[in-house]
Amino acid sequence: MVLALSRRLMAEIIEFSKDGVDLLIENGWLERVQETANRQELIH
């Protein structure tokens, strides 16, 4: 019984997290990780 409740709780937490990320993306609040500059392009 405890295992079933734990699985259900984990599933709810994952769904809640996904909803949060979707909200961040929808509103433009989630930023991409900054990428390093291409040194070859900077030289030319």
N, C-alpha and C. Protein backbone atom coordinates (compact mmCIF):
# COMPACT_ATOMS: atom_id res chain seq x y z
N MET A 1 0.82 -1.19 0.00
CA MET A 1 0.00 0.00 0.00
C MET A 1 0.87 1.26 0.00
N VAL A 2 1.93 1.24 0.79
CA VAL A 2 2.81 2.40 0.84
C VAL A 2 3.48 2.62 -0.51
N LEU A 3 3.86 1.54 -1.17
CA LEU A 3 4.49 1.64 -2.48
C LEU A 3 3.54 2.26 -3.51
N ALA A 4 2.30 1.86 -3.46
CA ALA A 4 1.31 2.41 -4.40
C ALA A 4 1.10 3.91 -4.16
N LEU A 5 1.07 4.31 -2.90
CA LEU A 5 0.91 5.73 -2.58
C LEU A 5 2.14 6.52 -3.02
N SER A 6 3.32 5.93 -2.84
CA SER A 6 4.55 6.60 -3.24
C SER A 6 4.59 6.79 -4.75
N ARG A 7 4.20 5.78 -5.49
CA ARG A 7 4.17 5.88 -6.96
C ARG A 7 3.18 6.95 -7.41
N ARG A 8 2.03 6.97 -6.78
CA ARG A 8 1.01 7.97 -7.13
C ARG A 8 1.51 9.38 -6.84
N LEU A 9 2.16 9.55 -5.69
CA LEU A 9 2.69 10.85 -5.32
C LEU A 9 3.78 11.29 -6.30
N MET A 10 4.65 10.37 -6.67
CA MET A 10 5.71 10.69 -7.64
C MET A 10 5.10 11.09 -8.98
N ALA A 11 4.08 10.40 -9.41
CA ALA A 11 3.43 10.74 -10.68
C ALA A 11 2.80 12.13 -10.62
N GLU A 12 2.20 12.47 -9.49
CA GLU A 12 1.60 13.79 -9.34
C GLU A 12 2.67 14.89 -9.32
N ILE A 13 3.80 14.62 -8.67
CA ILE A 13 4.89 15.59 -8.62
C ILE A 13 5.45 15.82 -10.01
N ILE A 14 5.63 14.75 -10.78
CA ILE A 14 6.15 14.88 -12.15
C ILE A 14 5.18 15.69 -13.00
N GLU A 15 3.90 15.42 -12.89
CA GLU A 15 2.89 16.16 -13.67
C GLU A 15 2.89 17.63 -13.26
N PHE A 16 3.00 17.91 -11.97
CA PHE A 16 3.04 19.29 -11.48
C PHE A 16 4.27 20.01 -12.02
N SER A 17 5.41 19.32 -12.03
CA SER A 17 6.65 19.92 -12.55
C SER A 17 6.53 20.21 -14.04
N LYS A 18 5.94 19.28 -14.78
CA LYS A 18 5.75 19.48 -16.23
C LYS A 18 4.86 20.69 -16.48
N ASP A 19 3.80 20.82 -15.71
CA ASP A 19 2.90 21.97 -15.86
C ASP A 19 3.66 23.27 -15.59
N GLY A 20 4.54 23.26 -14.60
CA GLY A 20 5.32 24.45 -14.28
C GLY A 20 6.26 24.83 -15.40
N VAL A 21 6.93 23.85 -15.98
CA VAL A 21 7.85 24.12 -17.09
C VAL A 21 7.07 24.62 -18.30
N ASP A 22 5.94 24.01 -18.58
CA ASP A 22 5.10 24.46 -19.70
C ASP A 22 4.68 25.92 -19.51
N LEU A 23 4.35 26.29 -18.28
CA LEU A 23 3.96 27.67 -17.99
C LEU A 23 5.13 28.63 -18.21
N LEU A 24 6.33 28.22 -17.77
CA LEU A 24 7.51 29.06 -17.98
C LEU A 24 7.79 29.27 -19.47
N ILE A 25 7.68 28.21 -20.25
CA ILE A 25 7.92 28.30 -21.69
C ILE A 25 6.85 29.17 -22.35
N GLU A 26 5.61 28.96 -21.98
CA GLU A 26 4.50 29.70 -22.58
C GLU A 26 4.64 31.21 -22.36
N ASN A 27 5.13 31.61 -21.20
CA ASN A 27 5.26 33.03 -20.88
C ASN A 27 6.63 33.60 -21.22
N GLY A 28 7.51 32.78 -21.77
CA GLY A 28 8.83 33.25 -22.15
C GLY A 28 9.75 33.50 -20.98
N TRP A 29 9.47 32.88 -19.84
CA TRP A 29 10.29 33.08 -18.65
C TRP A 29 11.43 32.08 -18.57
N LEU A 30 11.38 31.04 -19.36
CA LEU A 30 12.44 30.03 -19.35
C LEU A 30 13.45 30.39 -20.41
N GLU A 31 14.68 30.58 -19.99
CA GLU A 31 15.72 30.99 -20.92
C GLU A 31 16.60 29.80 -21.26
N ARG A 32 17.14 29.85 -22.46
CA ARG A 32 18.10 28.81 -22.87
C ARG A 32 19.41 29.05 -22.16
N VAL A 33 20.14 27.98 -21.97
CA VAL A 33 21.47 28.09 -21.38
C VAL A 33 22.37 28.79 -22.38
N GLN A 34 23.16 29.72 -21.88
CA GLN A 34 24.04 30.48 -22.76
C GLN A 34 25.08 29.54 -23.38
N GLU A 35 25.25 29.67 -24.68
CA GLU A 35 26.20 28.82 -25.39
C GLU A 35 27.52 29.55 -25.52
N THR A 36 28.60 28.79 -25.63
CA THR A 36 29.90 29.40 -25.81
C THR A 36 30.03 29.91 -27.24
N ALA A 37 30.85 30.93 -27.40
CA ALA A 37 31.07 31.51 -28.73
C ALA A 37 31.94 30.59 -29.56
N ASN A 38 31.66 30.56 -30.86
CA ASN A 38 32.47 29.79 -31.79
C ASN A 38 33.72 30.61 -32.11
N ARG A 39 34.86 30.17 -31.63
CA ARG A 39 36.10 30.94 -31.78
C ARG A 39 36.49 31.12 -33.25
N GLN A 40 36.21 30.14 -34.08
CA GLN A 40 36.55 30.25 -35.50
C GLN A 40 35.75 31.38 -36.16
N GLU A 41 34.49 31.53 -35.79
CA GLU A 41 33.67 32.61 -36.34
C GLU A 41 34.15 33.96 -35.84
N LEU A 42 34.66 34.03 -34.63
CA LEU A 42 35.14 35.30 -34.09
C LEU A 42 36.42 35.75 -34.77
N ILE A 43 37.24 34.80 -35.21
CA ILE A 43 38.51 35.13 -35.86
C ILE A 43 38.27 35.74 -37.23
N HIS A 44 37.29 35.22 -37.97
CA HIS A 44 37.06 35.66 -39.35
C HIS A 44 36.07 36.75 -39.42
